[in-house]
């Protein structure tokens, strides 16, 4: 058997090994290592085709190499450092802890920044259509006309209701001047449904007892 055939067998083994490790959960299907293994396997099989050429197999190997290179390049691009504004950085640490800034920035840019006083962020019994994060100032959580809690910088309004637009469980009002970020619950759901890593980071942020406040 020619050496190119041995190389082709190595390629087949590499394909199978990468898929096996993926099924065991040992490697990430979106990670660089999985893409690299597929690219290496494709190169090995392509070398074997120099002896026993097959146009269909060659197209498949070229496609695997191209897609793997794209995945690796995209991963490095998404993780490269970018500069967030100080307030954006604080917001990202609250909503998306441990998420690379480049992945957090698109959803941050879909929201709006407000600097207001005497504004209602939530009304008890009414659908809460936006998630808000206090950056400065203070808000009062009121039930039955009584202030039961106060929210400060870094705390979230709407963590309970954002998934299904369900009614707010309390009134939340800004009494004095406050700077806060607000994003449509619908936009947030749409973004997170298409970005599993961002969704995991967001859920981690909601579980943080330092920022979690129901509304």
C-alpha atoms as a PDB file:
ATOM      1  CA  UNK A   1       0.000   0.000   0.000  1.00  0.00           C
ATOM      2  CA  UNK A   2       1.323   3.422  -0.967  1.00  0.00           C
ATOM      3  CA  UNK A   3       2.210   6.029   1.650  1.00  0.00           C
ATOM      4  CA  UNK A   4      -0.529   8.365   0.398  1.00  0.00           C
ATOM      5  CA  UNK A   5      -3.092   5.718   1.291  1.00  0.00           C
ATOM      6  CA  UNK A   6      -1.751   5.580   4.855  1.00  0.00           C
ATOM      7  CA  UNK A   7      -2.092   9.357   4.987  1.00  0.00           C
ATOM      8  CA  UNK A   8      -5.674   9.027   3.752  1.00  0.00           C
ATOM      9  CA  UNK A   9      -6.422   6.499   6.502  1.00  0.00           C
ATOM     10  CA  UNK A  10      -4.956   8.942   9.041  1.00  0.00           C
ATOM     11  CA  UNK A  11      -7.349  11.550   7.679  1.00  0.00           C
ATOM     12  CA  UNK A  12     -10.327   9.220   8.083  1.00  0.00           C
ATOM     13  CA  UNK A  13      -9.265   8.408  11.657  1.00  0.00           C
ATOM     14  CA  UNK A  14      -8.912  12.128  12.432  1.00  0.00           C
ATOM     15  CA  UNK A  15     -12.417  12.811  11.096  1.00  0.00           C
ATOM     16  CA  UNK A  16     -13.866  10.036  13.252  1.00  0.00           C
ATOM     17  CA  UNK A  17     -11.863  11.041  16.323  1.00  0.00           C
ATOM     18  CA  UNK A  18     -13.001  14.664  16.138  1.00  0.00           C
ATOM     19  CA  UNK A  19     -16.642  13.602  15.808  1.00  0.00           C
ATOM     20  CA  UNK A  20     -16.276  11.083  18.640  1.00  0.00           C
ATOM     21  CA  UNK A  21     -14.788  13.717  20.969  1.00  0.00           C
ATOM     22  CA  UNK A  22     -17.575  16.110  19.985  1.00  0.00           C
ATOM     23  CA  UNK A  23     -20.249  13.553  20.912  1.00  0.00           C
ATOM     24  CA  UNK A  24     -18.537  12.911  24.254  1.00  0.00           C
ATOM     25  CA  UNK A  25     -18.608  16.623  24.962  1.00  0.00           C
ATOM     26  CA  UNK A  26     -14.820  16.755  25.227  1.00  0.00           C
ATOM     27  CA  UNK A  27     -14.488  19.482  22.607  1.00  0.00           C
ATOM     28  CA  UNK A  28     -16.629  22.423  21.560  1.00  0.00           C
ATOM     29  CA  UNK A  29     -18.260  22.201  18.135  1.00  0.00           C
ATOM     30  CA  UNK A  30     -17.748  25.960  17.771  1.00  0.00           C
ATOM     31  CA  UNK A  31     -14.172  25.865  19.025  1.00  0.00           C
ATOM     32  CA  UNK A  32     -10.916  26.216  17.151  1.00  0.00           C
ATOM     33  CA  UNK A  33      -9.691  22.731  18.079  1.00  0.00           C
ATOM     34  CA  UNK A  34     -12.632  21.020  16.358  1.00  0.00           C
ATOM     35  CA  UNK A  35     -12.189  23.192  13.264  1.00  0.00           C
ATOM     36  CA  UNK A  36      -8.441  22.457  13.234  1.00  0.00           C
ATOM     37  CA  UNK A  37      -8.997  18.688  13.474  1.00  0.00           C
ATOM     38  CA  UNK A  38     -11.443  18.766  10.559  1.00  0.00           C
ATOM     39  CA  UNK A  39      -9.038  20.841   8.500  1.00  0.00           C
ATOM     40  CA  UNK A  40      -6.155  18.474   9.270  1.00  0.00           C
ATOM     41  CA  UNK A  41      -8.288  15.457   8.363  1.00  0.00           C
ATOM     42  CA  UNK A  42      -9.286  17.097   5.065  1.00  0.00           C
ATOM     43  CA  UNK A  43      -5.650  17.827   4.212  1.00  0.00           C
ATOM     44  CA  UNK A  44      -4.674  14.197   4.887  1.00  0.00           C
ATOM     45  CA  UNK A  45      -7.488  12.870   2.690  1.00  0.00           C
ATOM     46  CA  UNK A  46      -6.647  15.402  -0.025  1.00  0.00           C
ATOM     47  CA  UNK A  47      -3.050  14.135  -0.076  1.00  0.00           C
ATOM     48  CA  UNK A  48      -4.327  10.584  -0.603  1.00  0.00           C
ATOM     49  CA  UNK A  49      -6.363  11.811  -3.583  1.00  0.00           C
ATOM     50  CA  UNK A  50      -3.173  12.747  -5.446  1.00  0.00           C
ATOM     51  CA  UNK A  51      -2.720   9.036  -6.099  1.00  0.00           C
ATOM     52  CA  UNK A  52      -6.344   7.960  -6.542  1.00  0.00           C
ATOM     53  CA  UNK A  53      -8.144  11.101  -7.639  1.00  0.00           C
ATOM     54  CA  UNK A  54     -11.881  11.543  -7.081  1.00  0.00           C
ATOM     55  CA  UNK A  55     -13.449  14.874  -7.973  1.00  0.00           C
ATOM     56  CA  UNK A  56     -16.367  14.504  -5.552  1.00  0.00           C
ATOM     57  CA  UNK A  57     -14.112  13.712  -2.607  1.00  0.00           C
ATOM     58  CA  UNK A  58     -11.730  16.543  -3.574  1.00  0.00           C
ATOM     59  CA  UNK A  59     -14.618  19.056  -3.530  1.00  0.00           C
ATOM     60  CA  UNK A  60     -15.634  17.839  -0.064  1.00  0.00           C
ATOM     61  CA  UNK A  61     -12.087  18.191   1.306  1.00  0.00           C
ATOM     62  CA  UNK A  62     -11.636  21.669  -0.161  1.00  0.00           C
ATOM     63  CA  UNK A  63     -14.965  22.675   1.381  1.00  0.00           C
ATOM     64  CA  UNK A  64     -13.948  21.325   4.807  1.00  0.00           C
ATOM     65  CA  UNK A  65     -10.635  23.198   4.667  1.00  0.00           C
ATOM     66  CA  UNK A  66     -12.327  26.449   3.597  1.00  0.00           C
ATOM     67  CA  UNK A  67     -15.034  26.229   6.264  1.00  0.00           C
ATOM     68  CA  UNK A  68     -12.518  25.333   8.977  1.00  0.00           C
ATOM     69  CA  UNK A  69     -10.288  28.286   8.057  1.00  0.00           C
ATOM     70  CA  UNK A  70     -13.341  30.546   8.145  1.00  0.00           C
ATOM     71  CA  UNK A  71     -14.353  29.214  11.586  1.00  0.00           C
ATOM     72  CA  UNK A  72     -10.850  29.735  13.008  1.00  0.00           C
ATOM     73  CA  UNK A  73     -10.560  33.228  11.526  1.00  0.00           C
ATOM     74  CA  UNK A  74     -14.038  34.175  12.789  1.00  0.00           C
ATOM     75  CA  UNK A  75     -13.203  32.928  16.293  1.00  0.00           C
ATOM     76  CA  UNK A  76     -10.035  35.043  16.476  1.00  0.00           C
ATOM     77  CA  UNK A  77     -11.885  38.031  15.008  1.00  0.00           C
ATOM     78  CA  UNK A  78     -14.732  37.776  17.521  1.00  0.00           C
ATOM     79  CA  UNK A  79     -12.346  37.473  20.457  1.00  0.00           C
ATOM     80  CA  UNK A  80      -9.872  40.165  19.515  1.00  0.00           C
ATOM     81  CA  UNK A  81      -9.791  43.131  21.865  1.00  0.00           C
ATOM     82  CA  UNK A  82     -12.025  46.109  21.191  1.00  0.00           C
ATOM     83  CA  UNK A  83     -12.566  49.218  23.239  1.00  0.00           C
ATOM     84  CA  UNK A  84     -15.895  49.634  24.981  1.00  0.00           C
ATOM     85  CA  UNK A  85     -16.923  52.955  26.461  1.00  0.00           C
ATOM     86  CA  UNK A  86     -16.671  52.906  30.289  1.00  0.00           C
ATOM     87  CA  UNK A  87     -20.470  52.742  30.716  1.00  0.00           C
ATOM     88  CA  UNK A  88     -20.734  50.007  28.051  1.00  0.00           C
ATOM     89  CA  UNK A  89     -18.049  48.023  29.855  1.00  0.00           C
ATOM     90  CA  UNK A  90     -19.933  48.266  33.160  1.00  0.00           C
ATOM     91  CA  UNK A  91     -23.141  47.185  31.434  1.00  0.00           C
ATOM     92  CA  UNK A  92     -21.450  44.216  29.743  1.00  0.00           C
ATOM     93  CA  UNK A  93     -20.117  43.044  33.109  1.00  0.00           C
ATOM     94  CA  UNK A  94     -23.672  43.072  34.504  1.00  0.00           C
ATOM     95  CA  UNK A  95     -25.628  41.575  31.588  1.00  0.00           C
ATOM     96  CA  UNK A  96     -22.998  39.386  29.922  1.00  0.00           C
ATOM     97  CA  UNK A  97     -20.222  38.459  32.387  1.00  0.00           C
ATOM     98  CA  UNK A  98     -17.233  36.710  30.757  1.00  0.00           C
ATOM     99  CA  UNK A  99     -18.568  37.337  27.237  1.00  0.00           C
ATOM    100  CA  UNK A 100     -15.965  38.847  24.853  1.00  0.00           C
ATOM    101  CA  UNK A 101     -16.717  42.544  24.276  1.00  0.00           C
ATOM    102  CA  UNK A 102     -17.093  42.033  20.514  1.00  0.00           C
ATOM    103  CA  UNK A 103     -19.974  39.617  21.129  1.00  0.00           C
ATOM    104  CA  UNK A 104     -21.663  41.812  23.739  1.00  0.00           C
ATOM    105  CA  UNK A 105     -21.434  45.017  21.705  1.00  0.00           C
ATOM    106  CA  UNK A 106     -24.112  44.192  19.047  1.00  0.00           C
ATOM    107  CA  UNK A 107     -26.871  43.735  21.620  1.00  0.00           C
ATOM    108  CA  UNK A 108     -25.717  46.721  23.681  1.00  0.00           C
ATOM    109  CA  UNK A 109     -25.968  48.881  20.562  1.00  0.00           C
ATOM    110  CA  UNK A 110     -29.603  47.752  20.076  1.00  0.00           C
ATOM    111  CA  UNK A 111     -30.628  49.290  23.408  1.00  0.00           C
ATOM    112  CA  UNK A 112     -30.895  52.908  24.499  1.00  0.00           C
ATOM    113  CA  UNK A 113     -29.352  55.013  27.244  1.00  0.00           C
ATOM    114  CA  UNK A 114     -31.632  57.239  29.307  1.00  0.00           C
ATOM    115  CA  UNK A 115     -30.970  59.927  31.892  1.00  0.00           C
ATOM    116  CA  UNK A 116     -34.285  60.749  33.540  1.00  0.00           C
ATOM    117  CA  UNK A 117     -36.081  61.450  36.807  1.00  0.00           C
ATOM    118  CA  UNK A 118     -39.557  60.411  37.959  1.00  0.00           C
ATOM    119  CA  UNK A 119     -40.007  57.681  35.369  1.00  0.00           C
ATOM    120  CA  UNK A 120     -41.728  54.304  35.737  1.00  0.00           C
ATOM    121  CA  UNK A 121     -39.585  51.364  34.672  1.00  0.00           C
ATOM    122  CA  UNK A 122     -42.316  48.836  35.469  1.00  0.00           C
ATOM    123  CA  UNK A 123     -45.980  48.867  36.473  1.00  0.00           C
ATOM    124  CA  UNK A 124     -47.395  46.049  38.557  1.00  0.00           C
ATOM    125  CA  UNK A 125     -49.757  43.825  36.571  1.00  0.00           C
ATOM    126  CA  UNK A 126     -48.754  45.280  33.196  1.00  0.00           C
ATOM    127  CA  UNK A 127     -46.545  43.516  30.614  1.00  0.00           C
ATOM    128  CA  UNK A 128     -42.931  44.543  30.962  1.00  0.00           C
ATOM    129  CA  UNK A 129     -41.760  45.197  27.425  1.00  0.00           C
ATOM    130  CA  UNK A 130     -38.164  46.145  28.237  1.00  0.00           C
ATOM    131  CA  UNK A 131     -35.288  45.085  30.450  1.00  0.00           C
ATOM    132  CA  UNK A 132     -33.553  47.974  32.209  1.00  0.00           C
ATOM    133  CA  UNK A 133     -30.251  48.217  34.069  1.00  0.00           C
ATOM    134  CA  UNK A 134     -29.575  51.069  36.486  1.00  0.00           C
ATOM    135  CA  UNK A 135     -26.124  52.556  35.957  1.00  0.00           C
ATOM    136  CA  UNK A 136     -26.396  55.467  38.394  1.00  0.00           C
ATOM    137  CA  UNK A 137     -29.127  56.683  40.716  1.00  0.00           C
ATOM    138  CA  UNK A 138     -31.800  54.735  42.529  1.00  0.00           C
ATOM    139  CA  UNK A 139     -35.215  53.189  41.896  1.00  0.00           C
ATOM    140  CA  UNK A 140     -37.924  52.126  44.336  1.00  0.00           C
ATOM    141  CA  UNK A 141     -39.732  48.765  44.104  1.00  0.00           C
ATOM    142  CA  UNK A 142     -43.311  49.324  45.300  1.00  0.00           C
ATOM    143  CA  UNK A 143     -46.087  46.850  46.089  1.00  0.00           C
ATOM    144  CA  UNK A 144     -49.521  47.958  47.253  1.00  0.00           C
ATOM    145  CA  UNK A 145     -48.243  51.503  47.609  1.00  0.00           C
ATOM    146  CA  UNK A 146     -45.344  50.509  49.887  1.00  0.00           C
ATOM    147  CA  UNK A 147     -41.678  50.695  48.928  1.00  0.00           C
ATOM    148  CA  UNK A 148     -40.369  47.187  49.620  1.00  0.00           C
ATOM    149  CA  UNK A 149     -36.882  47.496  48.107  1.00  0.00           C
ATOM    150  CA  UNK A 150     -34.501  49.959  46.556  1.00  0.00           C
ATOM    151  CA  UNK A 151     -32.416  49.284  43.473  1.00  0.00           C
ATOM    152  CA  UNK A 152     -29.033  50.841  42.852  1.00  0.00           C
ATOM    153  CA  UNK A 153     -26.332  50.876  40.208  1.00  0.00           C
ATOM    154  CA  UNK A 154     -25.802  47.556  38.427  1.00  0.00           C
ATOM    155  CA  UNK A 155     -29.228  46.121  39.252  1.00  0.00           C
ATOM    156  CA  UNK A 156     -31.717  44.778  36.722  1.00  0.00           C
ATOM    157  CA  UNK A 157     -35.395  45.540  36.255  1.00  0.00           C
ATOM    158  CA  UNK A 158     -37.290  42.875  34.340  1.00  0.00           C
ATOM    159  CA  UNK A 159     -35.303  39.696  34.944  1.00  0.00           C
ATOM    160  CA  UNK A 160     -38.477  37.699  35.610  1.00  0.00           C
ATOM    161  CA  UNK A 161     -40.652  39.052  32.804  1.00  0.00           C
ATOM    162  CA  UNK A 162     -38.326  39.369  29.813  1.00  0.00           C
ATOM    163  CA  UNK A 163     -38.756  35.776  28.570  1.00  0.00           C
ATOM    164  CA  UNK A 164     -42.504  35.910  27.889  1.00  0.00           C
ATOM    165  CA  UNK A 165     -43.507  39.545  28.384  1.00  0.00           C
ATOM    166  CA  UNK A 166     -45.452  38.526  31.493  1.00  0.00           C
ATOM    167  CA  UNK A 167     -46.860  41.184  33.851  1.00  0.00           C
ATOM    168  CA  UNK A 168     -44.478  42.908  36.236  1.00  0.00           C
ATOM    169  CA  UNK A 169     -44.769  41.773  39.863  1.00  0.00           C
ATOM    170  CA  UNK A 170     -44.225  45.287  41.255  1.00  0.00           C
ATOM    171  CA  UNK A 171     -44.003  48.962  40.376  1.00  0.00           C
ATOM    172  CA  UNK A 172     -40.457  50.175  39.815  1.00  0.00           C
ATOM    173  CA  UNK A 173     -40.004  53.945  39.728  1.00  0.00           C
ATOM    174  CA  UNK A 174     -37.023  56.264  39.471  1.00  0.00           C
ATOM    175  CA  UNK A 175     -37.628  59.093  41.933  1.00  0.00           C
ATOM    176  CA  UNK A 176     -34.527  61.183  41.400  1.00  0.00           C
ATOM    177  CA  UNK A 177     -32.224  61.523  38.410  1.00  0.00           C
ATOM    178  CA  UNK A 178     -30.908  58.163  37.200  1.00  0.00           C
ATOM    179  CA  UNK A 179     -28.888  56.947  34.237  1.00  0.00           C
ATOM    180  CA  UNK A 180     -30.086  53.594  32.954  1.00  0.00           C
ATOM    181  CA  UNK A 181     -29.914  51.277  29.955  1.00  0.00           C
ATOM    182  CA  UNK A 182     -33.077  49.853  28.419  1.00  0.00           C
ATOM    183  CA  UNK A 183     -33.599  47.220  25.733  1.00  0.00           C
ATOM    184  CA  UNK A 184     -36.752  45.717  24.264  1.00  0.00           C
ATOM    185  CA  UNK A 185     -37.527  42.275  25.670  1.00  0.00           C
ATOM    186  CA  UNK A 186     -38.412  41.146  22.148  1.00  0.00           C
ATOM    187  CA  UNK A 187     -35.035  42.233  20.762  1.00  0.00           C
ATOM    188  CA  UNK A 188     -33.255  40.598  23.679  1.00  0.00           C
ATOM    189  CA  UNK A 189     -35.090  37.293  23.173  1.00  0.00           C
ATOM    190  CA  UNK A 190     -34.368  37.349  19.437  1.00  0.00           C
ATOM    191  CA  UNK A 191     -30.654  38.028  19.956  1.00  0.00           C
ATOM    192  CA  UNK A 192     -30.196  35.401  22.667  1.00  0.00           C
ATOM    193  CA  UNK A 193     -32.068  32.740  20.666  1.00  0.00           C
ATOM    194  CA  UNK A 194     -29.426  33.052  17.944  1.00  0.00           C
ATOM    195  CA  UNK A 195     -26.381  33.410  20.228  1.00  0.00           C
ATOM    196  CA  UNK A 196     -26.018  30.508  22.645  1.00  0.00           C
ATOM    197  CA  UNK A 197     -22.812  31.835  24.204  1.00  0.00           C
ATOM    198  CA  UNK A 198     -24.412  35.218  24.880  1.00  0.00           C
ATOM    199  CA  UNK A 199     -27.510  33.471  26.271  1.00  0.00           C
ATOM    200  CA  UNK A 200     -25.365  31.467  28.713  1.00  0.00           C
ATOM    201  CA  UNK A 201     -23.520  34.610  29.792  1.00  0.00           C
ATOM    202  CA  UNK A 202     -26.806  36.474  30.276  1.00  0.00           C
ATOM    203  CA  UNK A 203     -28.255  33.691  32.424  1.00  0.00           C
ATOM    204  CA  UNK A 204     -25.063  33.763  34.509  1.00  0.00           C
ATOM    205  CA  UNK A 205     -25.567  37.501  35.001  1.00  0.00           C
ATOM    206  CA  UNK A 206     -29.141  36.984  36.191  1.00  0.00           C
ATOM    207  CA  UNK A 207     -27.978  34.367  38.710  1.00  0.00           C
ATOM    208  CA  UNK A 208     -25.523  36.834  40.248  1.00  0.00           C
ATOM    209  CA  UNK A 209     -27.112  37.805  43.615  1.00  0.00           C
ATOM    210  CA  UNK A 210     -25.383  41.175  43.480  1.00  0.00           C
ATOM    211  CA  UNK A 211     -27.374  42.273  40.442  1.00  0.00           C
ATOM    212  CA  UNK A 212     -30.537  40.193  40.573  1.00  0.00           C
ATOM    213  CA  UNK A 213     -33.758  41.972  41.519  1.00  0.00           C
ATOM    214  CA  UNK A 214     -37.154  40.727  40.355  1.00  0.00           C
ATOM    215  CA  UNK A 215     -39.736  42.916  38.676  1.00  0.00           C
END
